[in-house]
């Protein structure tokens, strides 16, 4: 079991939602947390074990500079949790014709290319960590989505980006096994995130009724709890875990 005290975890998209809940939980367990986001976390200030860095995950130089800052302060990175992403919805062919190609490109660049970008640069450093029990040097946890399996109308770009995260989980885990680095992805269902909270209450209630059990939106703390379990349970590897209350999304 990986001990969290004085271990360092890099969390992309940690300024809000699932990433913020994860950051708070890991900090409470004595870990060092480095948040990489395009915004500052609103309610995480003054913790000596916390570092926040403004950066775009799809930008190679910005991510490398972020890693350099983390390594300078904490010497190594023990875990990477990728939560950065966007989830806009748009029909491929709407009333005004096809949606812009750069809309699709932007979603792929942030959600998929951004996730891969941080993985490749972080693992390049993580592979040099001193091995622990069983030779483990680190863990990578990615955020996919149930949309990778049950994409709805308007989610072509989003589903494609999250499907890519699902698809690369196994080959990454196979490649990094020789380094002692595990790779696991989480596919959340509908959670109480800023994106969902921005919807009208009627829409939120409608989404909640689609979840078999428990019949409510997921709490970000439940996502964070799964991240913590993955970190501690070394037999979890090369897998995508649905965290969704049993929901199977309809067409729309």
Protein backbone atom coordinates (compact mmCIF):
# COMPACT_ATOMS: atom_id res chain seq x y z
CA UNK A 1 0.00 0.00 0.00
CA UNK A 2 1.45 3.36 -1.05
CA UNK A 3 1.71 5.69 1.94
CA UNK A 4 0.57 9.21 1.12
CA UNK A 5 2.50 11.16 3.74
CA UNK A 6 5.02 13.38 1.95
CA UNK A 7 4.22 11.76 -1.40
CA UNK A 8 3.62 14.21 -4.24
CA UNK A 9 0.62 14.10 -6.56
CA UNK A 10 0.07 16.25 -9.61
CA UNK A 11 -3.61 16.96 -10.31
CA UNK A 12 -4.66 18.60 -13.57
CA UNK A 13 -7.98 20.41 -13.47
CA UNK A 14 -7.64 20.55 -9.69
CA UNK A 15 -9.10 24.03 -9.25
CA UNK A 16 -12.71 22.82 -9.24
CA UNK A 17 -15.04 19.84 -9.38
CA UNK A 18 -13.61 16.33 -9.27
CA UNK A 19 -10.01 17.51 -9.22
CA UNK A 20 -10.57 19.90 -6.32
CA UNK A 21 -12.27 17.22 -4.22
CA UNK A 22 -9.35 14.91 -4.93
CA UNK A 23 -6.82 17.58 -3.99
CA UNK A 24 -8.57 18.20 -0.65
CA UNK A 25 -8.67 14.50 0.21
CA UNK A 26 -5.01 13.88 -0.62
CA UNK A 27 -3.95 16.94 1.35
CA UNK A 28 -5.92 15.65 4.34
CA UNK A 29 -3.88 12.42 4.14
CA UNK A 30 -0.57 14.28 4.37
CA UNK A 31 0.33 14.29 0.69
CA UNK A 32 1.91 17.12 -1.27
CA UNK A 33 -0.43 18.29 -4.03
CA UNK A 34 0.43 20.30 -7.12
CA UNK A 35 -2.60 21.61 -9.01
CA UNK A 36 -2.18 22.47 -12.67
CA UNK A 37 -5.17 24.37 -14.05
CA UNK A 38 -6.08 27.44 -16.07
CA UNK A 39 -7.57 28.97 -12.88
CA UNK A 40 -6.67 29.22 -9.20
CA UNK A 41 -8.66 27.04 -6.76
CA UNK A 42 -11.13 29.33 -4.99
CA UNK A 43 -11.19 27.62 -1.59
CA UNK A 44 -7.74 26.07 -1.20
CA UNK A 45 -5.29 28.56 0.18
CA UNK A 46 -2.47 28.68 2.69
CA UNK A 47 -1.57 24.98 2.83
CA UNK A 48 2.18 24.44 2.90
CA UNK A 49 1.72 21.12 1.11
CA UNK A 50 -0.13 22.74 -1.81
CA UNK A 51 1.28 24.27 -4.98
CA UNK A 52 -0.91 25.79 -7.68
CA UNK A 53 0.32 26.41 -11.21
CA UNK A 54 -1.53 28.13 -14.05
CA UNK A 55 -1.01 26.15 -17.25
CA UNK A 56 -2.78 24.70 -20.28
CA UNK A 57 -2.46 20.90 -20.35
CA UNK A 58 -2.38 20.86 -24.15
CA UNK A 59 0.67 23.16 -24.25
CA UNK A 60 3.94 21.21 -24.13
CA UNK A 61 6.10 24.05 -22.79
CA UNK A 62 3.62 25.07 -20.10
CA UNK A 63 3.29 21.49 -18.83
CA UNK A 64 7.06 20.93 -18.83
CA UNK A 65 7.58 24.19 -16.94
CA UNK A 66 4.93 23.09 -14.43
CA UNK A 67 6.68 19.78 -13.89
CA UNK A 68 9.99 21.55 -13.41
CA UNK A 69 8.46 23.71 -10.66
CA UNK A 70 6.98 20.68 -8.91
CA UNK A 71 10.24 18.73 -9.09
CA UNK A 72 12.22 21.71 -7.83
CA UNK A 73 9.96 21.97 -4.77
CA UNK A 74 9.21 18.31 -3.99
CA UNK A 75 12.03 16.42 -5.78
CA UNK A 76 9.75 13.82 -7.36
CA UNK A 77 6.21 13.09 -8.55
CA UNK A 78 4.62 9.92 -7.15
CA UNK A 79 1.25 10.12 -8.83
CA UNK A 80 -0.61 11.89 -11.63
CA UNK A 81 -4.37 12.44 -11.58
CA UNK A 82 -5.73 13.87 -14.84
CA UNK A 83 -9.01 15.71 -14.30
CA UNK A 84 -8.63 18.61 -16.72
CA UNK A 85 -11.24 18.67 -19.45
CA UNK A 86 -14.17 20.42 -21.06
CA UNK A 87 -17.59 19.05 -21.97
CA UNK A 88 -19.41 21.26 -24.46
CA UNK A 89 -22.25 19.69 -26.44
CA UNK A 90 -23.13 20.46 -30.04
CA UNK A 91 -24.90 18.59 -32.80
CA UNK A 92 -22.62 17.68 -35.69
CA UNK A 93 -25.24 18.94 -38.16
CA UNK A 94 -27.61 21.50 -36.67
CA UNK A 95 -30.10 24.04 -37.93
CA UNK A 96 -27.28 26.21 -39.21
CA UNK A 97 -25.35 23.39 -40.86
CA UNK A 98 -22.30 21.48 -39.62
CA UNK A 99 -20.57 22.70 -36.51
CA UNK A 100 -17.10 24.19 -36.84
CA UNK A 101 -14.22 21.76 -37.23
CA UNK A 102 -12.20 23.70 -34.65
CA UNK A 103 -14.88 22.92 -32.05
CA UNK A 104 -14.13 19.20 -32.40
CA UNK A 105 -10.39 19.90 -32.49
CA UNK A 106 -10.50 21.95 -29.28
CA UNK A 107 -12.31 19.24 -27.31
CA UNK A 108 -9.86 16.58 -28.52
CA UNK A 109 -6.86 18.82 -27.84
CA UNK A 110 -7.79 19.52 -24.23
CA UNK A 111 -9.40 16.25 -23.16
CA UNK A 112 -7.32 13.68 -25.02
CA UNK A 113 -4.14 15.31 -26.30
CA UNK A 114 -3.83 17.27 -23.05
CA UNK A 115 -4.15 14.11 -20.96
CA UNK A 116 -1.56 12.32 -23.09
CA UNK A 117 0.76 15.33 -23.00
CA UNK A 118 0.88 15.41 -19.21
CA UNK A 119 1.25 11.62 -18.98
CA UNK A 120 4.24 11.41 -21.28
CA UNK A 121 6.10 14.26 -19.58
CA UNK A 122 5.26 13.25 -16.00
CA UNK A 123 6.07 9.55 -16.48
CA UNK A 124 9.41 10.50 -18.04
CA UNK A 125 10.32 11.79 -14.58
CA UNK A 126 8.34 9.26 -12.55
CA UNK A 127 10.28 6.33 -14.03
CA UNK A 128 13.38 7.48 -12.12
CA UNK A 129 11.71 7.34 -8.69
CA UNK A 130 13.21 5.00 -6.15
CA UNK A 131 11.07 1.82 -6.29
CA UNK A 132 8.93 0.97 -3.30
CA UNK A 133 7.32 -2.32 -2.28
CA UNK A 134 6.80 -4.56 -5.35
CA UNK A 135 8.96 -2.13 -7.32
CA UNK A 136 6.22 0.49 -7.64
CA UNK A 137 7.40 3.90 -8.77
CA UNK A 138 4.10 5.66 -9.31
CA UNK A 139 0.51 5.66 -10.51
CA UNK A 140 -1.39 7.46 -13.27
CA UNK A 141 -5.14 7.96 -12.90
CA UNK A 142 -7.11 9.40 -15.82
CA UNK A 143 -10.65 10.72 -16.02
CA UNK A 144 -12.71 9.26 -18.84
CA UNK A 145 -16.53 9.34 -18.84
CA UNK A 146 -19.54 7.09 -19.32
CA UNK A 147 -19.94 9.09 -22.55
CA UNK A 148 -17.10 6.95 -23.91
CA UNK A 149 -19.62 4.09 -23.91
CA UNK A 150 -23.04 5.81 -23.93
CA UNK A 151 -22.40 9.01 -25.85
CA UNK A 152 -25.52 11.07 -26.40
CA UNK A 153 -26.62 13.22 -29.32
CA UNK A 154 -24.45 16.31 -29.25
CA UNK A 155 -21.54 14.52 -27.58
CA UNK A 156 -19.63 13.30 -30.64
CA UNK A 157 -16.52 15.35 -29.78
CA UNK A 158 -16.71 14.72 -26.03
CA UNK A 159 -17.38 10.98 -26.42
CA UNK A 160 -14.52 10.66 -28.90
CA UNK A 161 -12.11 12.40 -26.51
CA UNK A 162 -13.11 10.23 -23.55
CA UNK A 163 -13.16 7.10 -25.71
CA UNK A 164 -9.54 7.82 -26.53
CA UNK A 165 -8.67 7.88 -22.83
CA UNK A 166 -10.41 4.53 -22.38
CA UNK A 167 -8.59 3.04 -25.38
CA UNK A 168 -5.10 4.10 -24.29
CA UNK A 169 -5.43 2.84 -20.71
CA UNK A 170 -4.32 -0.72 -21.48
CA UNK A 171 -1.40 0.05 -23.83
CA UNK A 172 -0.06 2.65 -21.41
CA UNK A 173 -0.31 0.22 -18.49
CA UNK A 174 1.45 -2.46 -20.50
CA UNK A 175 4.28 -0.14 -21.48
CA UNK A 176 4.75 1.39 -18.02
CA UNK A 177 4.63 -1.97 -16.20
CA UNK A 178 8.39 -2.42 -16.63
CA UNK A 179 8.85 0.91 -14.82
CA UNK A 180 6.60 -0.08 -11.92
CA UNK A 181 3.97 2.51 -12.87
CA UNK A 182 0.27 1.63 -12.92
CA UNK A 183 -2.39 3.23 -15.14
CA UNK A 184 -6.08 3.25 -14.23
CA UNK A 185 -8.93 5.31 -15.66
CA UNK A 186 -12.20 6.31 -14.01
CA UNK A 187 -15.35 6.78 -16.11
CA UNK A 188 -17.66 8.96 -14.00
CA UNK A 189 -21.36 9.27 -14.62
CA UNK A 190 -23.24 12.46 -13.76
CA UNK A 191 -21.56 14.30 -10.90
CA UNK A 192 -22.18 17.60 -9.13
CA UNK A 193 -19.54 19.62 -10.94
CA UNK A 194 -19.61 23.32 -11.95
CA UNK A 195 -20.69 22.25 -15.44
CA UNK A 196 -23.75 20.39 -14.12
CA UNK A 197 -24.56 22.96 -11.42
CA UNK A 198 -24.80 25.59 -14.16
CA UNK A 199 -27.83 23.77 -15.56
CA UNK A 200 -31.37 24.72 -14.46
CA UNK A 201 -32.54 22.84 -11.37
CA UNK A 202 -35.21 21.03 -13.40
CA UNK A 203 -32.51 19.71 -15.72
CA UNK A 204 -30.39 18.57 -12.77
CA UNK A 205 -33.37 16.77 -11.25
CA UNK A 206 -34.09 15.09 -14.58
CA UNK A 207 -30.52 13.83 -14.82
CA UNK A 208 -30.66 12.47 -11.28
CA UNK A 209 -33.79 10.42 -12.01
CA UNK A 210 -31.90 8.52 -14.75
CA UNK A 211 -29.50 7.02 -12.19
CA UNK A 212 -30.73 3.61 -10.92
CA UNK A 213 -29.12 3.77 -7.48
CA UNK A 214 -28.49 5.90 -5.65
CA UNK A 215 -31.01 8.11 -7.53
CA UNK A 216 -28.98 11.31 -7.25
CA UNK A 217 -26.03 13.06 -8.80
CA UNK A 218 -22.60 11.81 -7.80
CA UNK A 219 -20.67 13.74 -5.17
CA UNK A 220 -17.10 14.74 -6.11
CA UNK A 221 -15.97 13.32 -2.77
CA UNK A 222 -17.02 9.88 -4.05
CA UNK A 223 -14.75 10.31 -7.05
CA UNK A 224 -11.91 11.38 -4.75
CA UNK A 225 -12.50 8.32 -2.55
CA UNK A 226 -12.04 6.05 -5.57
CA UNK A 227 -8.83 7.86 -6.53
CA UNK A 228 -7.51 7.26 -3.02
CA UNK A 229 -8.40 3.57 -3.19
CA UNK A 230 -6.68 3.18 -6.58
CA UNK A 231 -3.55 4.81 -5.19
CA UNK A 232 -3.50 2.40 -2.25
CA UNK A 233 -4.53 -0.81 -4.03
CA UNK A 234 -1.68 -1.92 -6.27
CA UNK A 235 -3.69 -4.71 -7.91
CA UNK A 236 -5.76 -2.09 -9.70
CA UNK A 237 -4.04 -1.62 -13.04
CA UNK A 238 -4.87 -1.42 -16.76
CA UNK A 239 -8.56 -0.98 -16.00
CA UNK A 240 -11.36 1.51 -16.61
CA UNK A 241 -13.77 1.75 -13.67
CA UNK A 242 -17.28 3.10 -14.22
CA UNK A 243 -18.39 5.24 -11.28
CA UNK A 244 -21.95 6.00 -12.25
CA UNK A 245 -24.63 4.51 -9.98
CA UNK A 246 -25.52 2.07 -12.75
CA UNK A 247 -26.62 4.65 -15.29
CA UNK A 248 -26.74 3.84 -18.99
CA UNK A 249 -27.25 7.08 -20.89
CA UNK A 250 -30.08 7.37 -23.39
CA UNK A 251 -29.73 8.88 -26.84
CA UNK A 252 -30.51 12.35 -25.50
